[in-house]
């Protein structure tokens, strides 16, 4: 973790993006479970459902896509 090598930093960014993708996928599964049928399924609170959708979007964009594309591939490939 203390390396200044660009390849090592790129790999760490890719690993971080992988774990963030798993968290985002877990939120996606919760959203799909809620939308699997009519009415309220698993999440009774509408505000919690909206917060899960917002958290899913932020995690997938800013914690998975951006570190993987900019940090991971930028440091690893260039």
PDB file of N, CA and C in Angstrom:
ATOM      1  N   UNK A   1       0.798  -1.207   0.000  1.00  0.00           N
ATOM      2  CA  UNK A   1       0.000   0.000   0.000  1.00  0.00           C
ATOM      3  C   UNK A   1       0.837   1.265   0.000  1.00  0.00           C
ATOM      4  N   UNK A   2       2.122   1.146   0.242  1.00  0.00           N
ATOM      5  CA  UNK A   2       2.968   2.331   0.339  1.00  0.00           C
ATOM      6  C   UNK A   2       3.822   2.539  -0.899  1.00  0.00           C
ATOM      7  N   UNK A   3       3.469   1.923  -1.990  1.00  0.00           N
ATOM      8  CA  UNK A   3       4.253   2.028  -3.205  1.00  0.00           C
ATOM      9  C   UNK A   3       3.874   3.290  -3.971  1.00  0.00           C
ATOM     10  N   UNK A   4       4.857   3.849  -4.656  1.00  0.00           N
ATOM     11  CA  UNK A   4       4.578   4.993  -5.526  1.00  0.00           C
ATOM     12  C   UNK A   4       4.600   4.578  -6.998  1.00  0.00           C
ATOM     13  N   UNK A   5       4.641   3.273  -7.254  1.00  0.00           N
ATOM     14  CA  UNK A   5       4.617   2.757  -8.613  1.00  0.00           C
ATOM     15  C   UNK A   5       3.212   2.929  -9.197  1.00  0.00           C
ATOM     16  N   UNK A   6       3.126   3.473 -10.399  1.00  0.00           N
ATOM     17  CA  UNK A   6       1.828   3.750 -11.011  1.00  0.00           C
ATOM     18  C   UNK A   6       1.044   2.471 -11.271  1.00  0.00           C
ATOM     19  N   UNK A   7       1.727   1.382 -11.595  1.00  0.00           N
ATOM     20  CA  UNK A   7       1.025   0.112 -11.838  1.00  0.00           C
ATOM     21  C   UNK A   7       0.377  -0.407 -10.551  1.00  0.00           C
ATOM     22  N   UNK A   8       1.091  -0.302  -9.443  1.00  0.00           N
ATOM     23  CA  UNK A   8       0.534  -0.746  -8.161  1.00  0.00           C
ATOM     24  C   UNK A   8      -0.665   0.107  -7.756  1.00  0.00           C
ATOM     25  N   UNK A   9      -0.565   1.399  -7.953  1.00  0.00           N
ATOM     26  CA  UNK A   9      -1.668   2.294  -7.619  1.00  0.00           C
ATOM     27  C   UNK A   9      -2.871   1.992  -8.511  1.00  0.00           C
ATOM     28  N   UNK A  10      -2.628   1.728  -9.789  1.00  0.00           N
ATOM     29  CA  UNK A  10      -3.715   1.377 -10.697  1.00  0.00           C
ATOM     30  C   UNK A  10      -4.418   0.098 -10.287  1.00  0.00           C
ATOM     31  N   UNK A  11      -3.649  -0.896  -9.843  1.00  0.00           N
ATOM     32  CA  UNK A  11      -4.253  -2.155  -9.385  1.00  0.00           C
ATOM     33  C   UNK A  11      -5.085  -1.917  -8.129  1.00  0.00           C
ATOM     34  N   UNK A  12      -4.606  -1.075  -7.216  1.00  0.00           N
ATOM     35  CA  UNK A  12      -5.377  -0.770  -6.010  1.00  0.00           C
ATOM     36  C   UNK A  12      -6.687  -0.061  -6.354  1.00  0.00           C
ATOM     37  N   UNK A  13      -6.640   0.844  -7.322  1.00  0.00           N
ATOM     38  CA  UNK A  13      -7.871   1.497  -7.773  1.00  0.00           C
ATOM     39  C   UNK A  13      -8.845   0.474  -8.352  1.00  0.00           C
ATOM     40  N   UNK A  14      -8.348  -0.475  -9.126  1.00  0.00           N
ATOM     41  CA  UNK A  14      -9.224  -1.487  -9.718  1.00  0.00           C
ATOM     42  C   UNK A  14      -9.828  -2.404  -8.650  1.00  0.00           C
ATOM     43  N   UNK A  15      -9.044  -2.759  -7.638  1.00  0.00           N
ATOM     44  CA  UNK A  15      -9.565  -3.582  -6.542  1.00  0.00           C
ATOM     45  C   UNK A  15     -10.632  -2.817  -5.764  1.00  0.00           C
ATOM     46  N   UNK A  16     -10.369  -1.533  -5.498  1.00  0.00           N
ATOM     47  CA  UNK A  16     -11.348  -0.690  -4.811  1.00  0.00           C
ATOM     48  C   UNK A  16     -12.641  -0.588  -5.619  1.00  0.00           C
ATOM     49  N   UNK A  17     -12.515  -0.431  -6.922  1.00  0.00           N
ATOM     50  CA  UNK A  17     -13.695  -0.348  -7.785  1.00  0.00           C
ATOM     51  C   UNK A  17     -14.466  -1.665  -7.785  1.00  0.00           C
ATOM     52  N   UNK A  18     -13.761  -2.789  -7.710  1.00  0.00           N
ATOM     53  CA  UNK A  18     -14.423  -4.090  -7.666  1.00  0.00           C
ATOM     54  C   UNK A  18     -15.279  -4.228  -6.412  1.00  0.00           C
ATOM     55  N   UNK A  19     -14.722  -3.875  -5.253  1.00  0.00           N
ATOM     56  CA  UNK A  19     -15.490  -3.979  -4.014  1.00  0.00           C
ATOM     57  C   UNK A  19     -16.633  -2.969  -3.969  1.00  0.00           C
ATOM     58  N   UNK A  20     -16.420  -1.791  -4.504  1.00  0.00           N
ATOM     59  CA  UNK A  20     -17.508  -0.813  -4.578  1.00  0.00           C
ATOM     60  C   UNK A  20     -18.607  -1.304  -5.508  1.00  0.00           C
ATOM     61  N   UNK A  21     -18.232  -1.997  -6.571  1.00  0.00           N
ATOM     62  CA  UNK A  21     -19.221  -2.582  -7.468  1.00  0.00           C
ATOM     63  C   UNK A  21     -20.058  -3.647  -6.781  1.00  0.00           C
ATOM     64  N   UNK A  22     -19.446  -4.398  -5.879  1.00  0.00           N
ATOM     65  CA  UNK A  22     -20.207  -5.403  -5.125  1.00  0.00           C
ATOM     66  C   UNK A  22     -21.228  -4.748  -4.200  1.00  0.00           C
ATOM     67  N   UNK A  23     -20.837  -3.645  -3.566  1.00  0.00           N
ATOM     68  CA  UNK A  23     -21.774  -2.914  -2.705  1.00  0.00           C
ATOM     69  C   UNK A  23     -22.907  -2.327  -3.546  1.00  0.00           C
ATOM     70  N   UNK A  24     -22.567  -1.753  -4.689  1.00  0.00           N
ATOM     71  CA  UNK A  24     -23.591  -1.218  -5.582  1.00  0.00           C
ATOM     72  C   UNK A  24     -24.522  -2.293  -6.103  1.00  0.00           C
ATOM     73  N   UNK A  25     -23.985  -3.474  -6.353  1.00  0.00           N
ATOM     74  CA  UNK A  25     -24.816  -4.595  -6.798  1.00  0.00           C
ATOM     75  C   UNK A  25     -25.775  -5.037  -5.698  1.00  0.00           C
ATOM     76  N   UNK A  26     -25.321  -4.996  -4.455  1.00  0.00           N
ATOM     77  CA  UNK A  26     -26.210  -5.335  -3.341  1.00  0.00           C
ATOM     78  C   UNK A  26     -27.380  -4.357  -3.263  1.00  0.00           C
ATOM     79  N   UNK A  27     -27.108  -3.071  -3.473  1.00  0.00           N
ATOM     80  CA  UNK A  27     -28.198  -2.095  -3.506  1.00  0.00           C
ATOM     81  C   UNK A  27     -29.126  -2.353  -4.688  1.00  0.00           C
ATOM     82  N   UNK A  28     -28.570  -2.753  -5.809  1.00  0.00           N
ATOM     83  CA  UNK A  28     -29.385  -3.059  -6.982  1.00  0.00           C
ATOM     84  C   UNK A  28     -30.302  -4.249  -6.719  1.00  0.00           C
ATOM     85  N   UNK A  29     -29.804  -5.236  -6.000  1.00  0.00           N
ATOM     86  CA  UNK A  29     -30.630  -6.399  -5.653  1.00  0.00           C
ATOM     87  C   UNK A  29     -31.781  -5.975  -4.746  1.00  0.00           C
ATOM     88  N   UNK A  30     -31.502  -5.073  -3.788  1.00  0.00           N
ATOM     89  CA  UNK A  30     -32.578  -4.576  -2.927  1.00  0.00           C
ATOM     90  C   UNK A  30     -33.648  -3.844  -3.739  1.00  0.00           C
ATOM     91  N   UNK A  31     -33.213  -3.037  -4.692  1.00  0.00           N
ATOM     92  CA  UNK A  31     -34.159  -2.311  -5.536  1.00  0.00           C
ATOM     93  C   UNK A  31     -34.989  -3.293  -6.357  1.00  0.00           C
ATOM     94  N   UNK A  32     -34.350  -4.302  -6.916  1.00  0.00           N
ATOM     95  CA  UNK A  32     -35.078  -5.279  -7.736  1.00  0.00           C
ATOM     96  C   UNK A  32     -36.047  -6.117  -6.901  1.00  0.00           C
ATOM     97  N   UNK A  33     -35.662  -6.432  -5.652  1.00  0.00           N
ATOM     98  CA  UNK A  33     -36.584  -7.159  -4.777  1.00  0.00           C
ATOM     99  C   UNK A  33     -37.821  -6.322  -4.471  1.00  0.00           C
ATOM    100  N   UNK A  34     -37.617  -5.033  -4.269  1.00  0.00           N
ATOM    101  CA  UNK A  34     -38.752  -4.159  -3.978  1.00  0.00           C
ATOM    102  C   UNK A  34     -39.669  -4.016  -5.191  1.00  0.00           C
ATOM    103  N   UNK A  35     -39.093  -3.988  -6.379  1.00  0.00           N
ATOM    104  CA  UNK A  35     -39.891  -3.794  -7.590  1.00  0.00           C
ATOM    105  C   UNK A  35     -40.375  -5.106  -8.211  1.00  0.00           C
ATOM    106  N   UNK A  36     -40.145  -6.228  -7.537  1.00  0.00           N
ATOM    107  CA  UNK A  36     -40.498  -7.523  -8.124  1.00  0.00           C
ATOM    108  C   UNK A  36     -42.001  -7.779  -8.163  1.00  0.00           C
ATOM    109  N   UNK A  37     -42.756  -7.035  -7.393  1.00  0.00           N
ATOM    110  CA  UNK A  37     -44.199  -7.226  -7.404  1.00  0.00           C
ATOM    111  C   UNK A  37     -44.907  -5.925  -7.097  1.00  0.00           C
ATOM    112  N   UNK A  38     -46.226  -5.916  -7.219  1.00  0.00           N
ATOM    113  CA  UNK A  38     -46.966  -4.682  -6.950  1.00  0.00           C
ATOM    114  C   UNK A  38     -47.048  -4.381  -5.457  1.00  0.00           C
ATOM    115  N   UNK A  39     -47.121  -3.119  -5.144  1.00  0.00           N
ATOM    116  CA  UNK A  39     -47.254  -2.712  -3.756  1.00  0.00           C
ATOM    117  C   UNK A  39     -45.927  -2.736  -3.020  1.00  0.00           C
ATOM    118  N   UNK A  40     -46.032  -2.668  -1.698  1.00  0.00           N
ATOM    119  CA  UNK A  40     -44.842  -2.675  -0.847  1.00  0.00           C
ATOM    120  C   UNK A  40     -44.394  -4.117  -0.649  1.00  0.00           C
ATOM    121  N   UNK A  41     -43.139  -4.414  -0.954  1.00  0.00           N
ATOM    122  CA  UNK A  41     -42.633  -5.774  -0.833  1.00  0.00           C
ATOM    123  C   UNK A  41     -41.774  -5.951   0.422  1.00  0.00           C
ATOM    124  N   UNK A  42     -40.602  -5.331   0.441  1.00  0.00           N
ATOM    125  CA  UNK A  42     -39.652  -5.541   1.528  1.00  0.00           C
ATOM    126  C   UNK A  42     -39.344  -4.264   2.291  1.00  0.00           C
ATOM    127  N   UNK A  43     -39.302  -3.147   1.587  1.00  0.00           N
ATOM    128  CA  UNK A  43     -38.941  -1.881   2.214  1.00  0.00           C
ATOM    129  C   UNK A  43     -40.228  -1.094   2.412  1.00  0.00           C
ATOM    130  N   UNK A  44     -40.665  -0.974   3.658  1.00  0.00           N
ATOM    131  CA  UNK A  44     -41.943  -0.333   3.932  1.00  0.00           C
ATOM    132  C   UNK A  44     -41.850   1.191   3.886  1.00  0.00           C
ATOM    133  N   UNK A  45     -40.672   1.726   4.097  1.00  0.00           N
ATOM    134  CA  UNK A  45     -40.501   3.174   4.157  1.00  0.00           C
ATOM    135  C   UNK A  45     -40.106   3.710   2.786  1.00  0.00           C
ATOM    136  N   UNK A  46     -40.895   4.648   2.268  1.00  0.00           N
ATOM    137  CA  UNK A  46     -40.594   5.219   0.956  1.00  0.00           C
ATOM    138  C   UNK A  46     -39.314   6.045   0.965  1.00  0.00           C
ATOM    139  N   UNK A  47     -39.046   6.727   2.080  1.00  0.00           N
ATOM    140  CA  UNK A  47     -37.827   7.533   2.159  1.00  0.00           C
ATOM    141  C   UNK A  47     -36.591   6.635   2.136  1.00  0.00           C
ATOM    142  N   UNK A  48     -36.649   5.487   2.790  1.00  0.00           N
ATOM    143  CA  UNK A  48     -35.533   4.544   2.757  1.00  0.00           C
ATOM    144  C   UNK A  48     -35.318   4.008   1.347  1.00  0.00           C
ATOM    145  N   UNK A  49     -36.402   3.736   0.634  1.00  0.00           N
ATOM    146  CA  UNK A  49     -36.289   3.267  -0.750  1.00  0.00           C
ATOM    147  C   UNK A  49     -35.614   4.321  -1.630  1.00  0.00           C
ATOM    148  N   UNK A  50     -36.021   5.574  -1.488  1.00  0.00           N
ATOM    149  CA  UNK A  50     -35.399   6.653  -2.257  1.00  0.00           C
ATOM    150  C   UNK A  50     -33.932   6.824  -1.885  1.00  0.00           C
ATOM    151  N   UNK A  51     -33.604   6.653  -0.619  1.00  0.00           N
ATOM    152  CA  UNK A  51     -32.208   6.754  -0.188  1.00  0.00           C
ATOM    153  C   UNK A  51     -31.370   5.615  -0.755  1.00  0.00           C
ATOM    154  N   UNK A  52     -31.949   4.430  -0.866  1.00  0.00           N
ATOM    155  CA  UNK A  52     -31.234   3.291  -1.452  1.00  0.00           C
ATOM    156  C   UNK A  52     -30.956   3.546  -2.927  1.00  0.00           C
ATOM    157  N   UNK A  53     -31.928   4.107  -3.644  1.00  0.00           N
ATOM    158  CA  UNK A  53     -31.713   4.417  -5.059  1.00  0.00           C
ATOM    159  C   UNK A  53     -30.614   5.465  -5.219  1.00  0.00           C
ATOM    160  N   UNK A  54     -30.642   6.500  -4.371  1.00  0.00           N
ATOM    161  CA  UNK A  54     -29.619   7.544  -4.443  1.00  0.00           C
ATOM    162  C   UNK A  54     -28.245   6.987  -4.088  1.00  0.00           C
ATOM    163  N   UNK A  55     -28.173   6.162  -3.046  1.00  0.00           N
ATOM    164  CA  UNK A  55     -26.894   5.567  -2.654  1.00  0.00           C
ATOM    165  C   UNK A  55     -26.365   4.648  -3.745  1.00  0.00           C
ATOM    166  N   UNK A  56     -27.251   3.904  -4.382  1.00  0.00           N
ATOM    167  CA  UNK A  56     -26.841   3.024  -5.477  1.00  0.00           C
ATOM    168  C   UNK A  56     -26.218   3.835  -6.613  1.00  0.00           C
ATOM    169  N   UNK A  57     -26.861   4.926  -6.972  1.00  0.00           N
ATOM    170  CA  UNK A  57     -26.346   5.758  -8.067  1.00  0.00           C
ATOM    171  C   UNK A  57     -24.998   6.371  -7.719  1.00  0.00           C
ATOM    172  N   UNK A  58     -24.868   6.910  -6.523  1.00  0.00           N
ATOM    173  CA  UNK A  58     -23.613   7.561  -6.123  1.00  0.00           C
ATOM    174  C   UNK A  58     -22.488   6.545  -6.028  1.00  0.00           C
ATOM    175  N   UNK A  59     -22.769   5.387  -5.444  1.00  0.00           N
ATOM    176  CA  UNK A  59     -21.725   4.363  -5.307  1.00  0.00           C
ATOM    177  C   UNK A  59     -21.279   3.858  -6.671  1.00  0.00           C
ATOM    178  N   UNK A  60     -22.224   3.589  -7.550  1.00  0.00           N
ATOM    179  CA  UNK A  60     -21.847   3.036  -8.853  1.00  0.00           C
ATOM    180  C   UNK A  60     -21.099   4.049  -9.711  1.00  0.00           C
ATOM    181  N   UNK A  61     -21.476   5.323  -9.639  1.00  0.00           N
ATOM    182  CA  UNK A  61     -20.802   6.320 -10.475  1.00  0.00           C
ATOM    183  C   UNK A  61     -19.478   6.746  -9.862  1.00  0.00           C
ATOM    184  N   UNK A  62     -19.523   7.229  -8.615  1.00  0.00           N
ATOM    185  CA  UNK A  62     -18.348   7.875  -8.038  1.00  0.00           C
ATOM    186  C   UNK A  62     -17.389   6.919  -7.342  1.00  0.00           C
ATOM    187  N   UNK A  63     -17.854   5.733  -6.948  1.00  0.00           N
ATOM    188  CA  UNK A  63     -16.970   4.809  -6.252  1.00  0.00           C
ATOM    189  C   UNK A  63     -16.617   3.576  -7.072  1.00  0.00           C
ATOM    190  N   UNK A  64     -17.294   3.359  -8.194  1.00  0.00           N
ATOM    191  CA  UNK A  64     -16.926   2.237  -9.050  1.00  0.00           C
ATOM    192  C   UNK A  64     -16.427   2.702 -10.415  1.00  0.00           C
ATOM    193  N   UNK A  65     -17.249   3.440 -11.142  1.00  0.00           N
ATOM    194  CA  UNK A  65     -16.898   3.806 -12.519  1.00  0.00           C
ATOM    195  C   UNK A  65     -15.726   4.778 -12.563  1.00  0.00           C
ATOM    196  N   UNK A  66     -15.795   5.846 -11.775  1.00  0.00           N
ATOM    197  CA  UNK A  66     -14.739   6.860 -11.827  1.00  0.00           C
ATOM    198  C   UNK A  66     -13.380   6.308 -11.368  1.00  0.00           C
ATOM    199  N   UNK A  67     -13.282   5.607 -10.224  1.00  0.00           N
ATOM    200  CA  UNK A  67     -11.968   5.061  -9.858  1.00  0.00           C
ATOM    201  C   UNK A  67     -11.454   4.020 -10.839  1.00  0.00           C
ATOM    202  N   UNK A  68     -12.355   3.209 -11.400  1.00  0.00           N
ATOM    203  CA  UNK A  68     -11.896   2.177 -12.333  1.00  0.00           C
ATOM    204  C   UNK A  68     -11.387   2.792 -13.624  1.00  0.00           C
ATOM    205  N   UNK A  69     -12.135   3.730 -14.185  1.00  0.00           N
ATOM    206  CA  UNK A  69     -11.745   4.282 -15.478  1.00  0.00           C
ATOM    207  C   UNK A  69     -10.609   5.291 -15.364  1.00  0.00           C
ATOM    208  N   UNK A  70     -10.723   6.216 -14.436  1.00  0.00           N
ATOM    209  CA  UNK A  70      -9.717   7.275 -14.341  1.00  0.00           C
ATOM    210  C   UNK A  70      -8.501   6.798 -13.552  1.00  0.00           C
ATOM    211  N   UNK A  71      -8.730   6.300 -12.343  1.00  0.00           N
ATOM    212  CA  UNK A  71      -7.609   5.890 -11.508  1.00  0.00           C
ATOM    213  C   UNK A  71      -6.998   4.573 -11.927  1.00  0.00           C
ATOM    214  N   UNK A  72      -7.849   3.581 -12.148  1.00  0.00           N
ATOM    215  CA  UNK A  72      -7.340   2.256 -12.466  1.00  0.00           C
ATOM    216  C   UNK A  72      -6.699   2.167 -13.825  1.00  0.00           C
ATOM    217  N   UNK A  73      -7.474   2.425 -14.859  1.00  0.00           N
ATOM    218  CA  UNK A  73      -6.935   2.289 -16.209  1.00  0.00           C
ATOM    219  C   UNK A  73      -5.973   3.416 -16.544  1.00  0.00           C
ATOM    220  N   UNK A  74      -6.192   4.602 -15.977  1.00  0.00           N
ATOM    221  CA  UNK A  74      -5.270   5.706 -16.229  1.00  0.00           C
ATOM    222  C   UNK A  74      -3.883   5.433 -15.685  1.00  0.00           C
ATOM    223  N   UNK A  75      -3.800   4.883 -14.492  1.00  0.00           N
ATOM    224  CA  UNK A  75      -2.496   4.588 -13.896  1.00  0.00           C
ATOM    225  C   UNK A  75      -1.913   3.288 -14.424  1.00  0.00           C
ATOM    226  N   UNK A  76      -2.765   2.321 -14.713  1.00  0.00           N
ATOM    227  CA  UNK A  76      -2.249   1.011 -15.099  1.00  0.00           C
ATOM    228  C   UNK A  76      -1.820   0.971 -16.560  1.00  0.00           C
ATOM    229  N   UNK A  77      -2.596   1.589 -17.432  1.00  0.00           N
ATOM    230  CA  UNK A  77      -2.308   1.481 -18.860  1.00  0.00           C
ATOM    231  C   UNK A  77      -1.378   2.569 -19.379  1.00  0.00           C
ATOM    232  N   UNK A  78      -1.403   3.739 -18.761  1.00  0.00           N
ATOM    233  CA  UNK A  78      -0.578   4.843 -19.271  1.00  0.00           C
ATOM    234  C   UNK A  78       0.755   4.936 -18.572  1.00  0.00           C
TER     235      UNK A  78
END
